[in-house]
Structure formats: C-alpha cells, structure tokens
PDB file of N, CA and C in Angstrom:
ATOM      1  N   MET A   1       0.600  -1.212  -0.115  1.00  0.00           N
ATOM      2  CA  MET A   1      -0.011   0.032   0.053  1.00  0.00           C
ATOM      3  C   MET A   1       0.568   1.270   0.104  1.00  0.00           C
ATOM      4  N   THR A   2       2.151   1.371   0.352  1.00  0.00           N
ATOM      5  CA  THR A   2       2.668   2.513   0.391  1.00  0.00           C
ATOM      6  C   THR A   2       3.956   2.521  -0.417  1.00  0.00           C
ATOM      7  N   LYS A   3       3.965   1.727  -1.195  1.00  0.00           N
ATOM      8  CA  LYS A   3       5.120   1.370  -2.377  1.00  0.00           C
ATOM      9  C   LYS A   3       4.996   2.736  -2.939  1.00  0.00           C
ATOM     10  N   ARG A   4       4.275   3.312  -3.486  1.00  0.00           N
ATOM     11  CA  ARG A   4       4.339   4.730  -4.470  1.00  0.00           C
ATOM     12  C   ARG A   4       4.307   5.849  -3.293  1.00  0.00           C
ATOM     13  N   ASN A   5       4.428   5.998  -1.913  1.00  0.00           N
ATOM     14  CA  ASN A   5       4.363   7.092  -1.092  1.00  0.00           C
ATOM     15  C   ASN A   5       5.988   7.623  -1.397  1.00  0.00           C
ATOM     16  N   SER A   6       5.904   9.132  -1.422  1.00  0.00           N
ATOM     17  CA  SER A   6       7.140   9.454  -1.508  1.00  0.00           C
ATOM     18  C   SER A   6       7.542  10.411  -0.395  1.00  0.00           C
ATOM     19  N   PHE A   7       6.884  10.411   0.355  1.00  0.00           N
ATOM     20  CA  PHE A   7       6.687  11.379   1.393  1.00  0.00           C
ATOM     21  C   PHE A   7       7.483  10.462   2.837  1.00  0.00           C
ATOM     22  N   PRO A   8       7.946  11.071   4.051  1.00  0.00           N
ATOM     23  CA  PRO A   8       8.183  10.288   4.877  1.00  0.00           C
ATOM     24  C   PRO A   8       7.286   9.650   5.672  1.00  0.00           C
ATOM     25  N   MET A   9       7.279   8.296   6.261  1.00  0.00           N
ATOM     26  CA  MET A   9       6.260   7.610   7.187  1.00  0.00           C
ATOM     27  C   MET A   9       6.690   7.141   8.412  1.00  0.00           C
ATOM     28  N   PRO A  10       7.369   8.200   9.237  1.00  0.00           N
ATOM     29  CA  PRO A  10       7.886   7.595  10.612  1.00  0.00           C
ATOM     30  C   PRO A  10       7.174   6.816  11.248  1.00  0.00           C
ATOM     31  N   PHE A  11       5.881   6.241  10.986  1.00  0.00           N
ATOM     32  CA  PHE A  11       5.462   4.978  11.826  1.00  0.00           C
ATOM     33  C   PHE A  11       5.543   4.050  11.013  1.00  0.00           C
ATOM     34  N   MET A  12       6.022   3.772  10.153  1.00  0.00           N
ATOM     35  CA  MET A  12       6.222   2.648   9.215  1.00  0.00           C
ATOM     36  C   MET A  12       6.769   1.414  10.208  1.00  0.00           C
ATOM     37  N   VAL A  13       5.918   0.091  10.293  1.00  0.00           N
ATOM     38  CA  VAL A  13       6.190  -1.159  10.662  1.00  0.00           C
ATOM     39  C   VAL A  13       6.718  -1.829   9.701  1.00  0.00           C
ATOM     40  N   SER A  14       7.756  -2.732   9.923  1.00  0.00           N
ATOM     41  CA  SER A  14       8.119  -3.879   9.106  1.00  0.00           C
ATOM     42  C   SER A  14       6.568  -4.882   9.047  1.00  0.00           C
ATOM     43  N   LEU A  15       7.011  -5.772   8.007  1.00  0.00           N
ATOM     44  CA  LEU A  15       6.446  -6.864   7.907  1.00  0.00           C
ATOM     45  C   LEU A  15       6.110  -7.864   9.134  1.00  0.00           C
ATOM     46  N   GLU A  16       7.352  -7.993   9.621  1.00  0.00           N
ATOM     47  CA  GLU A  16       7.332  -8.901  10.371  1.00  0.00           C
ATOM     48  C   GLU A  16       6.882  -8.545  11.997  1.00  0.00           C
ATOM     49  N   ALA A  17       7.478  -7.292  12.230  1.00  0.00           N
ATOM     50  CA  ALA A  17       6.767  -6.620  13.304  1.00  0.00           C
ATOM     51  C   ALA A  17       5.023  -6.628  13.155  1.00  0.00           C
ATOM     52  N   ALA A  18       4.755  -6.492  12.195  1.00  0.00           N
ATOM     53  CA  ALA A  18       3.437  -6.292  12.103  1.00  0.00           C
ATOM     54  C   ALA A  18       2.731  -7.661  12.421  1.00  0.00           C
ATOM     55  N   ALA A  19       3.151  -8.747  11.740  1.00  0.00           N
ATOM     56  CA  ALA A  19       2.525 -10.038  11.991  1.00  0.00           C
ATOM     57  C   ALA A  19       2.605 -10.575  13.104  1.00  0.00           C
ATOM     58  N   ALA A  20       3.904 -10.211  13.745  1.00  0.00           N
ATOM     59  CA  ALA A  20       4.265 -10.513  15.234  1.00  0.00           C
ATOM     60  C   ALA A  20       3.253  -9.653  16.150  1.00  0.00           C
ATOM     61  N   ARG A  21       2.843  -8.485  16.143  1.00  0.00           N
ATOM     62  CA  ARG A  21       1.740  -7.960  16.832  1.00  0.00           C
ATOM     63  C   ARG A  21       0.375  -8.514  16.885  1.00  0.00           C
ATOM     64  N   ILE A  22       0.035  -8.826  15.536  1.00  0.00           N
ATOM     65  CA  ILE A  22      -1.203  -9.211  15.113  1.00  0.00           C
ATOM     66  C   ILE A  22      -1.385 -10.775  15.716  1.00  0.00           C
ATOM     67  N   VAL A  23      -0.164 -11.698  15.783  1.00  0.00           N
ATOM     68  CA  VAL A  23      -0.713 -12.705  16.527  1.00  0.00           C
ATOM     69  C   VAL A  23      -0.516 -12.588  17.932  1.00  0.00           C
ATOM     70  N   GLU A  24      -0.030 -11.567  18.480  1.00  0.00           N
ATOM     71  CA  GLU A  24       0.227 -11.528  20.002  1.00  0.00           C
ATOM     72  C   GLU A  24      -1.348 -10.727  20.094  1.00  0.00           C
ATOM     73  N   GLY A  25      -1.862  -9.854  19.499  1.00  0.00           N
ATOM     74  CA  GLY A  25      -3.271  -9.306  19.847  1.00  0.00           C
ATOM     75  C   GLY A  25      -4.598 -10.624  19.688  1.00  0.00           C
ATOM     76  N   PHE A  26      -4.067 -11.534  18.843  1.00  0.00           N
ATOM     77  CA  PHE A  26      -5.072 -12.532  18.546  1.00  0.00           C
ATOM     78  C   PHE A  26      -5.131 -13.319  20.040  1.00  0.00           C
ATOM     79  N   ALA A  27      -3.668 -13.828  20.656  1.00  0.00           N
ATOM     80  CA  ALA A  27      -3.261 -14.656  21.728  1.00  0.00           C
ATOM     81  C   ALA A  27      -4.254 -13.930  23.040  1.00  0.00           C
ATOM     82  N   ARG A  28      -4.021 -12.368  23.091  1.00  0.00           N
ATOM     83  CA  ARG A  28      -4.543 -11.919  24.387  1.00  0.00           C
ATOM     84  C   ARG A  28      -5.943 -12.334  24.062  1.00  0.00           C
ATOM     85  N   GLY A  29      -6.639 -11.965  22.814  1.00  0.00           N
ATOM     86  CA  GLY A  29      -8.026 -11.892  22.850  1.00  0.00           C
ATOM     87  C   GLY A  29      -8.668 -10.647  23.036  1.00  0.00           C
ATOM     88  N   GLY A  30      -7.903  -9.337  23.056  1.00  0.00           N
ATOM     89  CA  GLY A  30      -8.526  -8.012  23.033  1.00  0.00           C
ATOM     90  C   GLY A  30      -9.202  -7.811  22.353  1.00  0.00           C
ATOM     91  N   PHE A  31      -9.944  -6.628  22.262  1.00  0.00           N
ATOM     92  CA  PHE A  31     -11.181  -6.069  21.407  1.00  0.00           C
ATOM     93  C   PHE A  31     -10.615  -5.495  20.464  1.00  0.00           C
ATOM     94  N   GLU A  32      -9.320  -4.995  20.114  1.00  0.00           N
ATOM     95  CA  GLU A  32      -8.965  -4.655  18.596  1.00  0.00           C
ATOM     96  C   GLU A  32      -7.668  -4.579  19.171  1.00  0.00           C
ATOM     97  N   ILE A  33      -6.749  -4.538  18.174  1.00  0.00           N
ATOM     98  CA  ILE A  33      -5.480  -4.915  17.550  1.00  0.00           C
ATOM     99  C   ILE A  33      -4.766  -3.573  16.881  1.00  0.00           C
ATOM    100  N   VAL A  34      -4.073  -2.619  17.571  1.00  0.00           N
ATOM    101  CA  VAL A  34      -3.440  -1.351  16.894  1.00  0.00           C
ATOM    102  C   VAL A  34      -2.115  -1.101  17.234  1.00  0.00           C
ATOM    103  N   PHE A  35      -1.394  -0.955  16.069  1.00  0.00           N
ATOM    104  CA  PHE A  35      -0.197  -0.775  15.697  1.00  0.00           C
ATOM    105  C   PHE A  35       0.182   0.384  14.801  1.00  0.00           C
ATOM    106  N   PRO A  36       1.522   1.129  14.780  1.00  0.00           N
ATOM    107  CA  PRO A  36       2.305   1.447  15.910  1.00  0.00           C
ATOM    108  C   PRO A  36       1.114   2.258  16.576  1.00  0.00           C
ATOM    109  N   ARG A  37       1.530   2.169  18.254  1.00  0.00           N
ATOM    110  CA  ARG A  37       0.828   2.437  19.238  1.00  0.00           C
ATOM    111  C   ARG A  37       0.902   4.151  18.823  1.00  0.00           C
ATOM    112  N   ARG A  38       1.846   5.034  18.911  1.00  0.00           N
ATOM    113  CA  ARG A  38       1.857   6.592  18.685  1.00  0.00           C
ATOM    114  C   ARG A  38       0.771   6.904  17.670  1.00  0.00           C
ATOM    115  N   LEU A  39       0.735   6.114  16.474  1.00  0.00           N
ATOM    116  CA  LEU A  39      -0.193   6.718  15.692  1.00  0.00           C
ATOM    117  C   LEU A  39      -1.391   6.079  15.853  1.00  0.00           C
ATOM    118  N   ALA A  40      -1.942   5.150  16.559  1.00  0.00           N
ATOM    119  CA  ALA A  40      -2.887   4.890  16.889  1.00  0.00           C
ATOM    120  C   ALA A  40      -3.828   5.892  18.437  1.00  0.00           C
ATOM    121  N   TRP A  41      -2.991   6.574  18.927  1.00  0.00           N
ATOM    122  CA  TRP A  41      -3.168   7.482  20.099  1.00  0.00           C
ATOM    123  C   TRP A  41      -3.452   8.694  19.255  1.00  0.00           C
ATOM    124  N   LEU A  42      -2.829   8.752  18.417  1.00  0.00           N
ATOM    125  CA  LEU A  42      -2.904  10.135  17.630  1.00  0.00           C
ATOM    126  C   LEU A  42      -4.326  10.045  16.642  1.00  0.00           C
ATOM    127  N   MET A  43      -4.459   9.081  16.276  1.00  0.00           N
ATOM    128  CA  MET A  43      -5.656   8.862  15.699  1.00  0.00           C
ATOM    129  C   MET A  43      -7.195   8.825  16.449  1.00  0.00           C
ATOM    130  N   LYS A  44      -6.941   8.271  17.309  1.00  0.00           N
ATOM    131  CA  LYS A  44      -7.982   8.042  18.543  1.00  0.00           C
ATOM    132  C   LYS A  44      -8.143   9.638  19.111  1.00  0.00           C
ATOM    133  N   GLY A  45      -7.119  10.461  19.550  1.00  0.00           N
ATOM    134  CA  GLY A  45      -7.254  11.664  19.994  1.00  0.00           C
ATOM    135  C   GLY A  45      -7.870  12.513  19.168  1.00  0.00           C
ATOM    136  N   MET A  46      -7.621  12.363  17.944  1.00  0.00           N
ATOM    137  CA  MET A  46      -8.255  13.134  16.758  1.00  0.00           C
ATOM    138  C   MET A  46      -9.674  12.835  16.665  1.00  0.00           C
ATOM    139  N   ARG A  47     -10.261  11.772  17.363  1.00  0.00           N
ATOM    140  CA  ARG A  47     -11.814  11.246  16.770  1.00  0.00           C
ATOM    141  C   ARG A  47     -12.346  12.632  17.962  1.00  0.00           C
ATOM    142  N   LEU A  48     -11.996  12.880  19.002  1.00  0.00           N
ATOM    143  CA  LEU A  48     -12.347  13.945  20.126  1.00  0.00           C
ATOM    144  C   LEU A  48     -12.915  15.153  19.284  1.00  0.00           C
ATOM    145  N   LEU A  49     -12.192  15.682  18.051  1.00  0.00           N
ATOM    146  CA  LEU A  49     -12.309  16.783  17.512  1.00  0.00           C
ATOM    147  C   LEU A  49     -13.773  17.230  16.764  1.00  0.00           C
ATOM    148  N   PRO A  50     -14.008  18.183  17.046  1.00  0.00           N
ATOM    149  CA  PRO A  50     -15.569  18.166  16.161  1.00  0.00           C
ATOM    150  C   PRO A  50     -15.353  18.017  15.201  1.00  0.00           C
ATOM    151  N   TYR A  51     -16.473  17.516  14.001  1.00  0.00           N
ATOM    152  CA  TYR A  51     -16.355  17.031  12.783  1.00  0.00           C
ATOM    153  C   TYR A  51     -15.560  17.752  11.680  1.00  0.00           C
ATOM    154  N   PRO A  52     -16.081  18.935  11.775  1.00  0.00           N
ATOM    155  CA  PRO A  52     -15.373  19.900  10.933  1.00  0.00           C
ATOM    156  C   PRO A  52     -13.971  20.073  11.105  1.00  0.00           C
ATOM    157  N   ALA A  53     -13.356  20.164  12.413  1.00  0.00           N
ATOM    158  CA  ALA A  53     -12.032  20.134  12.375  1.00  0.00           C
ATOM    159  C   ALA A  53     -11.283  18.971  12.364  1.00  0.00           C
ATOM    160  N   TYR A  54     -11.695  17.862  12.686  1.00  0.00           N
ATOM    161  CA  TYR A  54     -11.276  16.233  12.358  1.00  0.00           C
ATOM    162  C   TYR A  54     -11.266  16.075  10.598  1.00  0.00           C
ATOM    163  N   PHE A  55     -12.229  16.735  10.339  1.00  0.00           N
ATOM    164  CA  PHE A  55     -12.013  15.979   8.654  1.00  0.00           C
ATOM    165  C   PHE A  55     -11.005  17.145   7.900  1.00  0.00           C
ATOM    166  N   TRP A  56     -10.895  18.167   8.377  1.00  0.00           N
ATOM    167  CA  TRP A  56      -9.866  19.083   7.910  1.00  0.00           C
ATOM    168  C   TRP A  56      -8.475  18.662   8.059  1.00  0.00           C
ATOM    169  N   ALA A  57      -8.448  18.482   9.468  1.00  0.00           N
ATOM    170  CA  ALA A  57      -7.250  17.550   9.625  1.00  0.00           C
ATOM    171  C   ALA A  57      -6.930  16.297   8.872  1.00  0.00           C
ATOM    172  N   ILE A  58      -7.613  15.549   8.729  1.00  0.00           N
ATOM    173  CA  ILE A  58      -7.492  14.260   7.928  1.00  0.00           C
ATOM    174  C   ILE A  58      -7.084  14.586   6.685  1.00  0.00           C
ATOM    175  N   ARG A  59      -8.141  15.549   6.013  1.00  0.00           N
ATOM    176  CA  ARG A  59      -7.352  15.904   4.482  1.00  0.00           C
ATOM    177  C   ARG A  59      -5.827  16.406   4.426  1.00  0.00           C
ATOM    178  N   LYS A  60      -5.526  16.993   5.575  1.00  0.00           N
ATOM    179  CA  LYS A  60      -4.251  17.938   5.451  1.00  0.00           C
ATOM    180  C   LYS A  60      -3.284  16.679   5.705  1.00  0.00           C
ATOM    181  N   LEU A  61      -3.694  15.634   6.759  1.00  0.00           N
ATOM    182  CA  LEU A  61      -2.344  14.622   6.882  1.00  0.00           C
ATOM    183  C   LEU A  61      -2.569  13.940   5.666  1.00  0.00           C
ATOM    184  N   ALA A  62      -3.496  13.721   5.069  1.00  0.00           N
ATOM    185  CA  ALA A  62      -3.472  12.821   3.470  1.00  0.00           C
ATOM    186  C   ALA A  62      -3.066  13.440   2.714  1.00  0.00           C
ATOM    187  N   GLY A  63      -2.945  14.702   2.264  1.00  0.00           N
ATOM    188  CA  GLY A  63      -2.459  15.407   1.380  1.00  0.00           C
ATOM    189  C   GLY A  63      -3.448  15.523   0.305  1.00  0.00           C
ATOM    190  N   GLU A  64      -4.861  15.672   0.549  1.00  0.00           N
ATOM    191  CA  GLU A  64      -5.900  15.756  -0.012  1.00  0.00           C
ATOM    192  C   GLU A  64      -5.988  16.942  -0.681  1.00  0.00           C
ATOM    193  N   HIS A  65      -6.188  17.414  -2.096  1.00  0.00           N
ATOM    194  CA  HIS A  65      -6.065  18.782  -2.254  1.00  0.00           C
ATOM    195  C   HIS A  65      -7.437  19.033  -2.796  1.00  0.00           C
ATOM    196  N   ARG A  66      -8.004  20.139  -3.065  1.00  0.00           N
ATOM    197  CA  ARG A  66      -9.615  20.417  -3.402  1.00  0.00           C
ATOM    198  C   ARG A  66      -9.433  19.969  -5.207  1.00  0.00           C
ATOM    199  N   GLY A  67     -10.446  19.925  -4.764  1.00  0.00           N
ATOM    200  CA  GLY A  67     -10.846  19.422  -6.525  1.00  0.00           C
ATOM    201  C   GLY A  67     -10.641  17.438  -7.260  1.00  0.00           C
ATOM    202  N   GLY A  68     -10.359  16.979  -5.800  1.00  0.00           N
ATOM    203  CA  GLY A  68     -10.302  15.454  -5.850  1.00  0.00           C
ATOM    204  C   GLY A  68      -8.800  14.810  -4.978  1.00  0.00           C
ATOM    205  N   ARG A  69      -8.804  13.729  -5.144  1.00  0.00           N
ATOM    206  CA  ARG A  69      -7.627  12.822  -4.819  1.00  0.00           C
ATOM    207  C   ARG A  69      -6.404  13.284  -5.446  1.00  0.00           C
ATOM    208  N   ARG A  70      -5.416  13.121  -4.652  1.00  0.00           N
ATOM    209  CA  ARG A  70      -4.097  13.887  -5.512  1.00  0.00           C
ATOM    210  C   ARG A  70      -3.220  12.720  -6.307  1.00  0.00           C
ATOM    211  N   ASP A  71      -4.108  11.369  -6.666  1.00  0.00           N
ATOM    212  CA  ASP A  71      -3.192  10.614  -7.312  1.00  0.00           C
ATOM    213  C   ASP A  71      -3.986  10.734  -8.599  1.00  0.00           C
ATOM    214  N   GLY A  72      -4.916  11.657  -8.802  1.00  0.00           N
ATOM    215  CA  GLY A  72      -5.670  11.661  -9.976  1.00  0.00           C
ATOM    216  C   GLY A  72      -6.794  10.648 -10.429  1.00  0.00           C
ATOM    217  N   ALA A  73      -7.216   9.737  -9.495  1.00  0.00           N
ATOM    218  CA  ALA A  73      -7.950   9.002  -9.792  1.00  0.00           C
ATOM    219  C   ALA A  73      -9.447   9.689  -9.160  1.00  0.00           C
ATOM    220  N   VAL A  74     -10.531   9.207  -9.683  1.00  0.00           N
ATOM    221  CA  VAL A  74     -11.795   9.586  -9.586  1.00  0.00           C
ATOM    222  C   VAL A  74     -12.984   8.815  -8.878  1.00  0.00           C
TER     223      VAL A  74
END
C-alpha cells in the first residue's frame, strides 16, 4: 500500500513486526489490535475533535487537495 508514497512515514512497521503484533493480539483475545501505538493514539485523540476540524485535519494529513484525490483517480 505504501510503495508509491514519496513522503516520510515515521510510523512505518516492518512486515515481521506487524505480523508479530497481530499474532500477539489474537493470543490476548483483546477487543482491537492497534499498531504502531503512537499513531493509534494520535488518531483516537483526533476523533475527539468536532467533525469539521477532524475532517480538515485528516485531509491535511492525507495530502488531499481541492478538486479530488492527489493521485488523479476519480
């Protein structure tokens, strides 16, 4: 999914580390499996914002521009 991204991705997790976290999460039987935790907490915290502020921030983080998606897809 991230192969085409040319921007820094500081929260990137290796395939092996992600697989280990998923297996550990299944073993614990928890409600949800989230990783990396720093990104998960950031996104959960953003959900506390009012909807207009939340969607504005998500658009900024995702790099969306007016007029559609940045990759030109419709």
